N, C-alpha and C. Protein backbone atom coordinates (compact mmCIF):
# COMPACT_ATOMS: atom_id res chain seq x y z
N PHE A 1 54.37 68.84 -41.32
CA PHE A 1 54.24 68.43 -39.93
C PHE A 1 53.06 69.13 -39.25
N ALA A 2 52.41 68.42 -38.31
CA ALA A 2 51.31 69.00 -37.53
C ALA A 2 51.90 69.66 -36.29
N PHE A 3 52.52 70.80 -36.49
CA PHE A 3 53.26 71.44 -35.39
C PHE A 3 52.43 71.73 -34.14
N PRO A 4 51.17 72.18 -34.27
CA PRO A 4 50.42 72.50 -33.04
C PRO A 4 50.25 71.30 -32.10
N THR A 5 50.22 70.09 -32.66
CA THR A 5 50.07 68.91 -31.81
C THR A 5 51.39 68.18 -31.58
N GLN A 6 52.39 68.43 -32.43
CA GLN A 6 53.67 67.75 -32.27
C GLN A 6 54.65 68.51 -31.40
N ALA A 7 54.51 69.84 -31.35
CA ALA A 7 55.52 70.64 -30.64
C ALA A 7 54.90 71.79 -29.89
N ALA A 8 55.47 72.08 -28.73
CA ALA A 8 55.10 73.27 -27.96
C ALA A 8 56.29 74.21 -27.93
N LEU A 9 56.01 75.49 -28.04
CA LEU A 9 57.03 76.52 -27.92
C LEU A 9 56.84 77.21 -26.59
N TYR A 10 57.80 77.02 -25.68
CA TYR A 10 57.72 77.58 -24.33
C TYR A 10 58.45 78.92 -24.30
N LEU A 11 57.71 79.96 -23.90
CA LEU A 11 58.23 81.33 -23.86
C LEU A 11 58.03 81.90 -22.45
N PRO A 12 58.98 81.69 -21.55
CA PRO A 12 58.81 82.15 -20.17
C PRO A 12 58.95 83.67 -20.05
N ARG A 13 57.83 84.35 -19.91
CA ARG A 13 57.84 85.82 -19.83
C ARG A 13 58.58 86.33 -18.60
N HIS A 14 58.64 85.51 -17.56
CA HIS A 14 59.20 85.96 -16.28
C HIS A 14 60.72 85.99 -16.24
N MET A 15 61.38 85.46 -17.27
CA MET A 15 62.84 85.42 -17.25
C MET A 15 63.42 86.83 -17.34
N PRO A 16 64.50 87.11 -16.60
CA PRO A 16 65.13 88.43 -16.68
C PRO A 16 65.83 88.61 -18.02
N ASP A 17 66.17 89.83 -18.33
CA ASP A 17 66.95 90.13 -19.53
C ASP A 17 68.26 89.33 -19.46
N PRO A 18 68.72 88.79 -20.60
CA PRO A 18 69.96 88.00 -20.58
C PRO A 18 71.17 88.75 -20.04
N ARG A 19 71.12 90.08 -20.05
CA ARG A 19 72.24 90.87 -19.52
C ARG A 19 72.15 91.05 -18.01
N ASP A 20 71.05 90.61 -17.43
CA ASP A 20 70.84 90.72 -15.99
C ASP A 20 71.68 89.67 -15.26
N ALA A 21 72.22 90.02 -14.11
CA ALA A 21 73.05 89.09 -13.34
C ALA A 21 72.28 87.85 -12.90
N ARG A 22 70.96 87.95 -12.83
CA ARG A 22 70.15 86.82 -12.38
C ARG A 22 69.90 85.80 -13.47
N PHE A 23 70.25 86.12 -14.70
CA PHE A 23 69.83 85.28 -15.83
C PHE A 23 70.34 83.85 -15.71
N VAL A 24 71.62 83.68 -15.39
CA VAL A 24 72.19 82.33 -15.38
C VAL A 24 71.49 81.45 -14.34
N SER A 25 71.32 81.94 -13.12
CA SER A 25 70.69 81.13 -12.08
C SER A 25 69.24 80.82 -12.43
N ASP A 26 68.54 81.78 -13.00
CA ASP A 26 67.15 81.54 -13.41
C ASP A 26 67.09 80.55 -14.57
N ALA A 27 68.05 80.66 -15.49
CA ALA A 27 68.10 79.72 -16.61
C ALA A 27 68.35 78.31 -16.13
N VAL A 28 69.22 78.15 -15.14
CA VAL A 28 69.49 76.82 -14.58
C VAL A 28 68.20 76.21 -14.04
N ARG A 29 67.42 76.99 -13.31
CA ARG A 29 66.15 76.47 -12.77
C ARG A 29 65.20 76.05 -13.88
N GLU A 30 65.13 76.84 -14.94
CA GLU A 30 64.25 76.50 -16.05
C GLU A 30 64.71 75.23 -16.76
N VAL A 31 66.01 75.13 -16.99
CA VAL A 31 66.56 73.95 -17.66
C VAL A 31 66.25 72.69 -16.85
N LEU A 32 66.50 72.73 -15.56
CA LEU A 32 66.25 71.55 -14.72
C LEU A 32 64.78 71.20 -14.67
N ALA A 33 63.91 72.19 -14.61
CA ALA A 33 62.47 71.93 -14.57
C ALA A 33 61.99 71.32 -15.88
N LEU A 34 62.49 71.81 -17.00
CA LEU A 34 62.08 71.27 -18.30
C LEU A 34 62.58 69.84 -18.49
N ILE A 35 63.81 69.58 -18.07
CA ILE A 35 64.36 68.22 -18.17
C ILE A 35 63.57 67.27 -17.28
N ASP A 36 63.11 67.75 -16.15
CA ASP A 36 62.29 66.93 -15.26
C ASP A 36 60.99 66.53 -15.94
N ILE A 37 60.43 67.43 -16.74
CA ILE A 37 59.17 67.14 -17.44
C ILE A 37 59.36 66.06 -18.50
N THR A 38 60.43 66.16 -19.28
CA THR A 38 60.63 65.22 -20.39
C THR A 38 61.46 64.01 -20.02
N GLY A 39 62.10 64.04 -18.85
CA GLY A 39 62.97 62.93 -18.47
C GLY A 39 64.27 62.89 -19.24
N GLY A 40 64.68 64.03 -19.75
CA GLY A 40 65.91 64.09 -20.53
C GLY A 40 65.60 64.17 -22.01
N GLY A 41 66.49 63.59 -22.83
CA GLY A 41 66.32 63.68 -24.27
C GLY A 41 66.41 65.12 -24.73
N ALA A 42 67.40 65.87 -24.21
CA ALA A 42 67.42 67.32 -24.39
C ALA A 42 68.71 67.83 -25.01
N PHE A 43 68.55 68.79 -25.90
CA PHE A 43 69.63 69.64 -26.36
C PHE A 43 69.50 70.97 -25.63
N VAL A 44 70.54 71.41 -24.96
CA VAL A 44 70.58 72.75 -24.38
C VAL A 44 71.57 73.53 -25.24
N LEU A 45 71.04 74.35 -26.14
CA LEU A 45 71.86 75.03 -27.14
C LEU A 45 72.11 76.47 -26.72
N CYS A 46 73.37 76.84 -26.63
CA CYS A 46 73.77 78.14 -26.11
C CYS A 46 74.43 78.99 -27.19
N THR A 47 74.37 80.30 -26.99
CA THR A 47 74.96 81.23 -27.95
C THR A 47 76.42 81.53 -27.65
N SER A 48 76.94 81.00 -26.56
CA SER A 48 78.35 81.21 -26.23
C SER A 48 78.88 80.03 -25.43
N PHE A 49 80.19 79.81 -25.52
CA PHE A 49 80.81 78.76 -24.73
C PHE A 49 80.74 79.08 -23.24
N ARG A 50 80.81 80.36 -22.91
CA ARG A 50 80.73 80.75 -21.51
C ARG A 50 79.42 80.31 -20.89
N MET A 51 78.31 80.58 -21.60
CA MET A 51 77.00 80.18 -21.08
C MET A 51 76.85 78.66 -21.08
N MET A 52 77.36 78.01 -22.12
CA MET A 52 77.28 76.55 -22.18
C MET A 52 77.94 75.92 -20.95
N HIS A 53 79.15 76.37 -20.63
CA HIS A 53 79.87 75.80 -19.49
C HIS A 53 79.20 76.16 -18.16
N ALA A 54 78.66 77.37 -18.08
CA ALA A 54 78.00 77.79 -16.84
C ALA A 54 76.77 76.92 -16.57
N LEU A 55 75.96 76.70 -17.59
CA LEU A 55 74.75 75.87 -17.43
C LEU A 55 75.11 74.41 -17.18
N ALA A 56 76.06 73.90 -17.93
CA ALA A 56 76.45 72.49 -17.76
C ALA A 56 77.02 72.24 -16.37
N GLN A 57 77.86 73.14 -15.90
CA GLN A 57 78.48 72.98 -14.59
C GLN A 57 77.44 73.01 -13.47
N ALA A 58 76.45 73.90 -13.60
CA ALA A 58 75.43 74.03 -12.56
C ALA A 58 74.42 72.89 -12.61
N CYS A 59 74.10 72.42 -13.81
CA CYS A 59 73.05 71.41 -13.96
C CYS A 59 73.55 69.98 -13.75
N ARG A 60 74.78 69.71 -14.13
CA ARG A 60 75.29 68.33 -14.09
C ARG A 60 75.11 67.64 -12.74
N PRO A 61 75.43 68.28 -11.62
CA PRO A 61 75.28 67.58 -10.33
C PRO A 61 73.83 67.28 -9.97
N GLU A 62 72.88 67.98 -10.61
CA GLU A 62 71.46 67.82 -10.29
C GLU A 62 70.75 66.81 -11.19
N LEU A 63 71.44 66.31 -12.19
CA LEU A 63 70.79 65.45 -13.18
C LEU A 63 71.20 64.00 -13.01
N SER A 64 70.21 63.11 -13.14
CA SER A 64 70.48 61.68 -13.11
C SER A 64 70.74 61.14 -14.51
N GLN A 65 70.37 61.90 -15.51
CA GLN A 65 70.58 61.49 -16.90
C GLN A 65 72.03 61.68 -17.32
N PRO A 66 72.47 60.95 -18.35
CA PRO A 66 73.82 61.17 -18.88
C PRO A 66 73.97 62.62 -19.37
N VAL A 67 75.03 63.29 -18.98
CA VAL A 67 75.27 64.66 -19.38
C VAL A 67 76.46 64.70 -20.35
N LEU A 68 76.23 65.29 -21.50
CA LEU A 68 77.25 65.42 -22.53
C LEU A 68 77.51 66.90 -22.77
N VAL A 69 78.77 67.26 -22.95
CA VAL A 69 79.12 68.66 -23.15
C VAL A 69 80.03 68.78 -24.37
N GLN A 70 79.68 69.68 -25.26
CA GLN A 70 80.50 69.91 -26.45
C GLN A 70 81.93 70.20 -26.04
N GLY A 71 82.86 69.55 -26.71
CA GLY A 71 84.27 69.74 -26.40
C GLY A 71 84.86 68.64 -25.56
N GLU A 72 84.01 67.91 -24.82
CA GLU A 72 84.52 66.82 -24.00
C GLU A 72 84.79 65.58 -24.83
N ARG A 73 84.09 65.46 -25.97
CA ARG A 73 84.30 64.37 -26.92
C ARG A 73 84.11 64.94 -28.32
N PRO A 74 84.59 64.24 -29.36
CA PRO A 74 84.31 64.69 -30.72
C PRO A 74 82.81 64.76 -30.99
N LYS A 75 82.41 65.65 -31.89
CA LYS A 75 81.00 65.91 -32.16
C LYS A 75 80.23 64.63 -32.53
N LEU A 76 80.76 63.84 -33.45
CA LEU A 76 80.07 62.63 -33.88
C LEU A 76 79.93 61.63 -32.74
N MET A 77 80.93 61.56 -31.89
CA MET A 77 80.86 60.65 -30.74
C MET A 77 79.79 61.11 -29.76
N LEU A 78 79.68 62.43 -29.56
CA LEU A 78 78.64 62.96 -28.68
C LEU A 78 77.25 62.61 -29.22
N LEU A 79 77.07 62.79 -30.52
CA LEU A 79 75.76 62.50 -31.12
C LEU A 79 75.42 61.02 -31.04
N ASP A 80 76.40 60.15 -31.28
CA ASP A 80 76.16 58.71 -31.16
C ASP A 80 75.77 58.34 -29.74
N ARG A 81 76.48 58.89 -28.77
CA ARG A 81 76.17 58.62 -27.36
C ARG A 81 74.79 59.14 -27.01
N PHE A 82 74.45 60.31 -27.53
CA PHE A 82 73.14 60.91 -27.27
C PHE A 82 72.03 60.01 -27.81
N ARG A 83 72.17 59.57 -29.04
CA ARG A 83 71.15 58.70 -29.65
C ARG A 83 71.01 57.38 -28.90
N GLU A 84 72.13 56.81 -28.52
CA GLU A 84 72.12 55.51 -27.83
C GLU A 84 71.49 55.59 -26.45
N ALA A 85 71.74 56.67 -25.73
CA ALA A 85 71.27 56.79 -24.35
C ALA A 85 69.76 56.90 -24.26
N GLY A 86 69.18 57.68 -25.13
CA GLY A 86 67.72 57.83 -25.12
C GLY A 86 67.21 58.87 -24.14
N ASN A 87 68.01 59.21 -23.14
CA ASN A 87 67.56 60.20 -22.15
C ASN A 87 68.68 61.18 -21.79
N ALA A 88 69.66 61.32 -22.66
CA ALA A 88 70.82 62.17 -22.37
C ALA A 88 70.47 63.65 -22.46
N VAL A 89 71.35 64.47 -21.89
CA VAL A 89 71.24 65.92 -21.97
C VAL A 89 72.54 66.44 -22.54
N LEU A 90 72.46 67.10 -23.68
CA LEU A 90 73.64 67.61 -24.37
C LEU A 90 73.69 69.14 -24.28
N PHE A 91 74.78 69.67 -23.75
CA PHE A 91 75.02 71.11 -23.72
C PHE A 91 75.97 71.45 -24.86
N ALA A 92 75.55 72.36 -25.73
CA ALA A 92 76.34 72.65 -26.92
C ALA A 92 76.14 74.09 -27.37
N THR A 93 76.90 74.47 -28.41
CA THR A 93 76.82 75.83 -28.94
C THR A 93 76.35 75.81 -30.39
N SER A 94 76.72 76.84 -31.13
CA SER A 94 76.14 77.08 -32.45
C SER A 94 76.36 75.95 -33.45
N SER A 95 77.41 75.17 -33.30
CA SER A 95 77.66 74.11 -34.28
C SER A 95 76.59 73.01 -34.22
N PHE A 96 75.78 72.99 -33.17
CA PHE A 96 74.70 72.02 -33.06
C PHE A 96 73.34 72.64 -33.41
N TRP A 97 73.32 73.92 -33.78
CA TRP A 97 72.06 74.59 -34.10
C TRP A 97 71.55 74.19 -35.47
N GLU A 98 72.43 73.69 -36.34
CA GLU A 98 72.01 73.31 -37.68
C GLU A 98 72.79 72.09 -38.13
N GLY A 99 72.22 71.34 -39.08
CA GLY A 99 72.90 70.20 -39.65
C GLY A 99 73.02 69.00 -38.73
N VAL A 100 72.28 68.99 -37.63
CA VAL A 100 72.30 67.86 -36.70
C VAL A 100 70.94 67.19 -36.73
N ASP A 101 70.92 65.90 -36.98
CA ASP A 101 69.67 65.19 -37.17
C ASP A 101 69.54 64.07 -36.14
N VAL A 102 68.59 64.22 -35.21
CA VAL A 102 68.32 63.18 -34.22
C VAL A 102 66.81 62.93 -34.22
N PRO A 103 66.30 62.19 -35.20
CA PRO A 103 64.87 61.90 -35.22
C PRO A 103 64.50 60.90 -34.13
N GLY A 104 63.23 60.91 -33.77
CA GLY A 104 62.76 59.94 -32.78
C GLY A 104 62.77 60.46 -31.37
N ASP A 105 62.51 59.57 -30.44
CA ASP A 105 62.29 59.94 -29.04
C ASP A 105 63.56 60.36 -28.31
N ALA A 106 64.72 60.07 -28.86
CA ALA A 106 65.97 60.43 -28.18
C ALA A 106 66.08 61.93 -27.98
N LEU A 107 65.48 62.73 -28.89
CA LEU A 107 65.47 64.18 -28.74
C LEU A 107 64.02 64.65 -28.65
N ARG A 108 63.63 65.10 -27.48
CA ARG A 108 62.26 65.55 -27.25
C ARG A 108 62.18 66.91 -26.56
N LEU A 109 63.33 67.52 -26.35
CA LEU A 109 63.38 68.84 -25.73
C LEU A 109 64.57 69.60 -26.29
N VAL A 110 64.30 70.80 -26.81
CA VAL A 110 65.36 71.69 -27.28
C VAL A 110 65.23 73.00 -26.52
N ILE A 111 66.30 73.37 -25.80
CA ILE A 111 66.31 74.60 -25.03
C ILE A 111 67.31 75.56 -25.66
N LEU A 112 66.86 76.75 -26.01
CA LEU A 112 67.73 77.79 -26.56
C LEU A 112 67.91 78.86 -25.50
N ASP A 113 69.15 79.12 -25.11
CA ASP A 113 69.37 80.04 -23.99
C ASP A 113 69.04 81.48 -24.33
N LYS A 114 69.48 81.95 -25.49
CA LYS A 114 69.28 83.35 -25.88
C LYS A 114 68.95 83.45 -27.36
N LEU A 115 68.44 84.59 -27.75
CA LEU A 115 68.20 84.85 -29.16
C LEU A 115 69.55 84.92 -29.87
N PRO A 116 69.68 84.25 -31.01
CA PRO A 116 71.00 84.11 -31.65
C PRO A 116 71.40 85.31 -32.52
N PHE A 117 71.50 86.47 -31.90
CA PHE A 117 71.98 87.64 -32.63
C PHE A 117 73.48 87.55 -32.85
N ASP A 118 73.92 87.96 -34.02
CA ASP A 118 75.36 88.04 -34.26
C ASP A 118 75.98 89.07 -33.34
N VAL A 119 77.23 88.83 -32.96
CA VAL A 119 77.94 89.75 -32.07
C VAL A 119 78.38 90.98 -32.87
N PRO A 120 77.88 92.17 -32.52
CA PRO A 120 78.19 93.37 -33.32
C PRO A 120 79.67 93.72 -33.38
N THR A 121 80.43 93.29 -32.37
CA THR A 121 81.86 93.61 -32.34
C THR A 121 82.71 92.65 -33.17
N ASP A 122 82.11 91.56 -33.66
CA ASP A 122 82.84 90.66 -34.54
C ASP A 122 83.26 91.44 -35.79
N PRO A 123 84.51 91.35 -36.22
CA PRO A 123 84.99 92.18 -37.34
C PRO A 123 84.15 92.02 -38.61
N LEU A 124 83.77 90.79 -38.95
CA LEU A 124 82.99 90.57 -40.16
C LEU A 124 81.59 91.16 -40.02
N VAL A 125 80.98 90.96 -38.86
CA VAL A 125 79.65 91.51 -38.61
C VAL A 125 79.70 93.04 -38.62
N ALA A 126 80.72 93.60 -37.98
CA ALA A 126 80.87 95.05 -37.92
C ALA A 126 81.04 95.64 -39.32
N ALA A 127 81.80 94.94 -40.17
CA ALA A 127 82.02 95.42 -41.53
C ALA A 127 80.72 95.40 -42.33
N ARG A 128 79.94 94.34 -42.18
CA ARG A 128 78.66 94.26 -42.88
C ARG A 128 77.70 95.36 -42.42
N CYS A 129 77.68 95.57 -41.10
CA CYS A 129 76.80 96.62 -40.56
C CYS A 129 77.20 98.00 -41.07
N GLU A 130 78.50 98.23 -41.15
CA GLU A 130 78.98 99.53 -41.63
C GLU A 130 78.60 99.73 -43.09
N ARG A 131 78.70 98.69 -43.89
CA ARG A 131 78.31 98.78 -45.30
C ARG A 131 76.82 99.11 -45.43
N ILE A 132 76.01 98.49 -44.58
CA ILE A 132 74.57 98.74 -44.61
C ILE A 132 74.28 100.19 -44.23
N ARG A 133 74.99 100.70 -43.23
CA ARG A 133 74.83 102.11 -42.84
C ARG A 133 75.21 103.04 -43.99
N GLU A 134 76.28 102.71 -44.68
CA GLU A 134 76.72 103.54 -45.80
C GLU A 134 75.68 103.57 -46.91
N ASP A 135 74.90 102.48 -47.01
CA ASP A 135 73.84 102.41 -48.02
C ASP A 135 72.56 103.09 -47.55
N GLY A 136 72.59 103.61 -46.32
CA GLY A 136 71.44 104.34 -45.81
C GLY A 136 70.40 103.49 -45.11
N ASP A 137 70.74 102.24 -44.79
CA ASP A 137 69.80 101.35 -44.11
C ASP A 137 70.22 101.11 -42.67
N ALA A 138 69.30 100.54 -41.88
CA ALA A 138 69.56 100.22 -40.48
C ALA A 138 70.09 98.79 -40.37
N PRO A 139 71.29 98.60 -39.83
CA PRO A 139 71.87 97.25 -39.74
C PRO A 139 71.01 96.26 -38.96
N PHE A 140 70.34 96.73 -37.91
CA PHE A 140 69.55 95.79 -37.11
C PHE A 140 68.41 95.20 -37.93
N ALA A 141 67.65 96.05 -38.59
CA ALA A 141 66.50 95.59 -39.36
C ALA A 141 66.91 94.88 -40.66
N LYS A 142 67.99 95.34 -41.25
CA LYS A 142 68.40 94.82 -42.56
C LYS A 142 69.21 93.53 -42.45
N TYR A 143 69.98 93.40 -41.38
CA TYR A 143 70.91 92.27 -41.29
C TYR A 143 70.80 91.46 -40.00
N LEU A 144 70.92 92.12 -38.84
CA LEU A 144 70.99 91.39 -37.57
C LEU A 144 69.71 90.64 -37.26
N LEU A 145 68.56 91.28 -37.46
CA LEU A 145 67.29 90.62 -37.16
C LEU A 145 66.99 89.47 -38.12
N PRO A 146 67.11 89.65 -39.44
CA PRO A 146 66.89 88.51 -40.34
C PRO A 146 67.84 87.35 -40.09
N SER A 147 69.10 87.67 -39.77
CA SER A 147 70.08 86.61 -39.49
C SER A 147 69.69 85.83 -38.24
N ALA A 148 69.22 86.54 -37.21
CA ALA A 148 68.78 85.87 -35.99
C ALA A 148 67.56 85.00 -36.25
N ALA A 149 66.65 85.47 -37.09
CA ALA A 149 65.45 84.70 -37.40
C ALA A 149 65.80 83.38 -38.08
N ILE A 150 66.76 83.42 -38.98
CA ILE A 150 67.19 82.19 -39.67
C ILE A 150 67.81 81.22 -38.68
N ALA A 151 68.70 81.73 -37.82
CA ALA A 151 69.36 80.87 -36.84
C ALA A 151 68.36 80.28 -35.85
N LEU A 152 67.38 81.08 -35.44
CA LEU A 152 66.37 80.61 -34.50
C LEU A 152 65.53 79.49 -35.13
N LYS A 153 65.19 79.67 -36.39
CA LYS A 153 64.41 78.64 -37.09
C LYS A 153 65.22 77.35 -37.21
N GLN A 154 66.52 77.47 -37.43
CA GLN A 154 67.38 76.29 -37.51
C GLN A 154 67.46 75.58 -36.16
N GLY A 155 67.56 76.36 -35.08
CA GLY A 155 67.58 75.76 -33.75
C GLY A 155 66.29 75.03 -33.45
N PHE A 156 65.16 75.66 -33.77
CA PHE A 156 63.85 75.02 -33.59
C PHE A 156 63.78 73.73 -34.40
N GLY A 157 64.36 73.77 -35.58
CA GLY A 157 64.27 72.63 -36.49
C GLY A 157 64.95 71.37 -36.01
N ARG A 158 65.74 71.45 -34.93
CA ARG A 158 66.37 70.23 -34.41
C ARG A 158 65.32 69.28 -33.85
N LEU A 159 64.16 69.79 -33.41
CA LEU A 159 63.21 68.96 -32.67
C LEU A 159 62.39 68.05 -33.57
N VAL A 160 61.64 68.62 -34.49
CA VAL A 160 60.69 67.84 -35.29
C VAL A 160 61.33 67.48 -36.63
N ARG A 161 61.73 66.22 -36.74
CA ARG A 161 62.37 65.74 -37.96
C ARG A 161 61.50 64.77 -38.74
N THR A 162 60.50 64.18 -38.06
CA THR A 162 59.59 63.25 -38.73
C THR A 162 58.17 63.49 -38.22
N GLU A 163 57.19 62.88 -38.84
CA GLU A 163 55.80 63.04 -38.43
C GLU A 163 55.52 62.41 -37.06
N ALA A 164 56.43 61.57 -36.60
CA ALA A 164 56.24 60.90 -35.30
C ALA A 164 56.88 61.67 -34.15
N ASP A 165 57.71 62.66 -34.46
CA ASP A 165 58.42 63.39 -33.41
C ASP A 165 57.49 64.31 -32.63
N ARG A 166 57.69 64.36 -31.31
CA ARG A 166 56.92 65.24 -30.44
C ARG A 166 57.81 65.78 -29.34
N GLY A 167 57.55 67.01 -28.93
CA GLY A 167 58.38 67.54 -27.85
C GLY A 167 58.22 69.02 -27.63
N ILE A 168 59.23 69.59 -26.96
CA ILE A 168 59.18 70.98 -26.50
C ILE A 168 60.39 71.74 -27.03
N VAL A 169 60.15 72.95 -27.48
CA VAL A 169 61.22 73.91 -27.74
C VAL A 169 61.04 75.06 -26.76
N ALA A 170 62.08 75.40 -26.02
CA ALA A 170 62.02 76.49 -25.05
C ALA A 170 63.02 77.58 -25.43
N ILE A 171 62.56 78.81 -25.43
CA ILE A 171 63.44 79.96 -25.66
C ILE A 171 63.47 80.76 -24.36
N LEU A 172 64.60 80.75 -23.68
CA LEU A 172 64.68 81.34 -22.35
C LEU A 172 64.90 82.86 -22.37
N ASP A 173 65.05 83.42 -23.54
CA ASP A 173 65.28 84.86 -23.71
C ASP A 173 63.92 85.56 -23.82
N SER A 174 63.51 86.23 -22.75
CA SER A 174 62.18 86.84 -22.72
C SER A 174 62.04 88.06 -23.62
N ARG A 175 63.14 88.52 -24.22
CA ARG A 175 63.04 89.62 -25.17
C ARG A 175 62.14 89.26 -26.34
N ILE A 176 61.99 87.97 -26.63
CA ILE A 176 61.16 87.56 -27.75
C ILE A 176 59.69 87.85 -27.51
N VAL A 177 59.29 88.01 -26.25
CA VAL A 177 57.90 88.37 -25.96
C VAL A 177 57.76 89.82 -25.49
N HIS A 178 58.86 90.44 -25.06
CA HIS A 178 58.77 91.79 -24.51
C HIS A 178 59.22 92.88 -25.49
N LYS A 179 60.02 92.54 -26.48
CA LYS A 179 60.51 93.52 -27.44
C LYS A 179 59.67 93.48 -28.72
N SER A 180 59.56 94.63 -29.37
CA SER A 180 58.73 94.71 -30.58
C SER A 180 59.24 93.79 -31.68
N TYR A 181 60.57 93.60 -31.76
CA TYR A 181 61.11 92.74 -32.81
C TYR A 181 60.81 91.26 -32.57
N GLY A 182 60.34 90.93 -31.36
CA GLY A 182 60.01 89.54 -31.07
C GLY A 182 58.94 88.99 -31.99
N LYS A 183 58.02 89.83 -32.43
CA LYS A 183 56.96 89.38 -33.33
C LYS A 183 57.54 88.88 -34.65
N THR A 184 58.58 89.56 -35.13
CA THR A 184 59.23 89.13 -36.36
C THR A 184 59.89 87.77 -36.18
N LEU A 185 60.55 87.58 -35.05
CA LEU A 185 61.22 86.31 -34.78
C LEU A 185 60.21 85.17 -34.63
N LEU A 186 59.13 85.44 -33.90
CA LEU A 186 58.11 84.40 -33.71
C LEU A 186 57.43 84.04 -35.03
N ALA A 187 57.26 85.02 -35.89
CA ALA A 187 56.62 84.76 -37.18
C ALA A 187 57.47 83.86 -38.07
N SER A 188 58.77 83.78 -37.79
CA SER A 188 59.66 82.94 -38.60
C SER A 188 59.62 81.48 -38.17
N LEU A 189 58.98 81.20 -37.03
CA LEU A 189 58.97 79.84 -36.48
C LEU A 189 57.70 79.09 -36.88
N PRO A 190 57.74 77.76 -36.88
CA PRO A 190 56.53 76.97 -37.14
C PRO A 190 55.44 77.27 -36.12
N ASP A 191 54.20 76.95 -36.47
CA ASP A 191 53.05 77.28 -35.62
C ASP A 191 52.84 76.25 -34.51
N ALA A 192 53.86 76.08 -33.69
CA ALA A 192 53.75 75.18 -32.54
C ALA A 192 52.82 75.79 -31.50
N SER A 193 52.30 74.96 -30.62
CA SER A 193 51.45 75.45 -29.53
C SER A 193 52.30 76.33 -28.61
N ARG A 194 51.76 77.46 -28.21
CA ARG A 194 52.49 78.38 -27.34
C ARG A 194 52.20 78.06 -25.87
N CYS A 195 53.25 78.02 -25.07
CA CYS A 195 53.13 77.82 -23.63
C CYS A 195 53.91 78.93 -22.92
N TYR A 196 53.33 79.45 -21.84
CA TYR A 196 53.97 80.54 -21.11
C TYR A 196 54.26 80.19 -19.66
N SER A 197 53.98 78.95 -19.27
CA SER A 197 54.28 78.50 -17.92
C SER A 197 54.69 77.03 -17.98
N LEU A 198 55.40 76.60 -16.95
CA LEU A 198 55.82 75.20 -16.89
C LEU A 198 54.61 74.27 -16.76
N GLU A 199 53.55 74.76 -16.12
CA GLU A 199 52.33 73.96 -16.00
C GLU A 199 51.74 73.67 -17.39
N GLU A 200 51.75 74.69 -18.25
CA GLU A 200 51.25 74.49 -19.61
C GLU A 200 52.15 73.53 -20.39
N VAL A 201 53.45 73.64 -20.18
CA VAL A 201 54.38 72.73 -20.84
C VAL A 201 54.12 71.29 -20.39
N ARG A 202 53.95 71.11 -19.10
CA ARG A 202 53.72 69.77 -18.55
C ARG A 202 52.43 69.17 -19.11
N ALA A 203 51.39 69.98 -19.21
CA ALA A 203 50.11 69.50 -19.73
C ALA A 203 50.23 69.14 -21.21
N PHE A 204 50.91 70.00 -21.97
CA PHE A 204 51.08 69.70 -23.39
C PHE A 204 51.87 68.42 -23.58
N TYR A 205 52.96 68.26 -22.83
CA TYR A 205 53.81 67.10 -23.02
C TYR A 205 53.08 65.81 -22.68
N ALA A 206 52.31 65.85 -21.61
CA ALA A 206 51.53 64.67 -21.22
C ALA A 206 50.53 64.32 -22.32
N PHE A 207 49.87 65.34 -22.87
CA PHE A 207 48.91 65.11 -23.95
C PHE A 207 49.61 64.56 -25.19
N ALA A 208 50.74 65.15 -25.55
CA ALA A 208 51.47 64.72 -26.74
C ALA A 208 51.93 63.28 -26.63
N ARG A 209 52.39 62.90 -25.45
CA ARG A 209 52.82 61.51 -25.25
C ARG A 209 51.65 60.55 -25.33
N THR A 210 50.51 60.98 -24.84
CA THR A 210 49.31 60.13 -24.91
C THR A 210 48.90 59.92 -26.36
N THR A 211 48.87 60.99 -27.15
CA THR A 211 48.47 60.87 -28.55
C THR A 211 49.50 60.06 -29.34
N GLU A 212 50.76 60.15 -28.93
CA GLU A 212 51.82 59.38 -29.60
C GLU A 212 51.60 57.89 -29.39
N ARG A 213 51.26 57.51 -28.17
CA ARG A 213 51.05 56.08 -27.87
C ARG A 213 49.80 55.55 -28.55
N SER A 214 48.79 56.41 -28.74
CA SER A 214 47.55 55.95 -29.35
C SER A 214 47.56 55.98 -30.85
N ALA A 215 48.62 56.60 -31.43
CA ALA A 215 48.71 56.73 -32.87
C ALA A 215 49.00 55.38 -33.54
């Protein structure tokens, strides 16, 4: 795939840390602005059900496009409705980060709320981290970071499924540009065009649509 011309990776440096109380309201503004640019056709993929419901509840009244939320219908029914609508917005969690195929114009925007780090308090994750410590290694570098990189690449992979696909992937977690480990995560992703403002996203999307029509 020609990722630099088919896809833009939006990395909003101005977003607060996900643990900041302002994150949800700022994320809502970003989601609505991005959907306005593409006219829908969006997956909003969240790392928790709590965030999924918070974003869906806040965004739904502001959107004219069909809004679909994981759990309101069976997964296959949601995907069928999404494909048929052409401009729908789907709010979902990790089960939609991989193994979901929506080629074509129906999906032209993928928004990832946070970096997909495993929850350290999960018993299985905690056990793996403890084993790594016992072996003398650092769990973050040895396990948590590589696992997040794989999940992030899978989330990105929802967008470009064919040579004709074009669109935007947005990562609303600014740690990917502010933390040293962000370089490792970015290196795991395809070489899409980088955008750091909504103006750049809008310009890229307009250009991509123009080249798509002329192809």
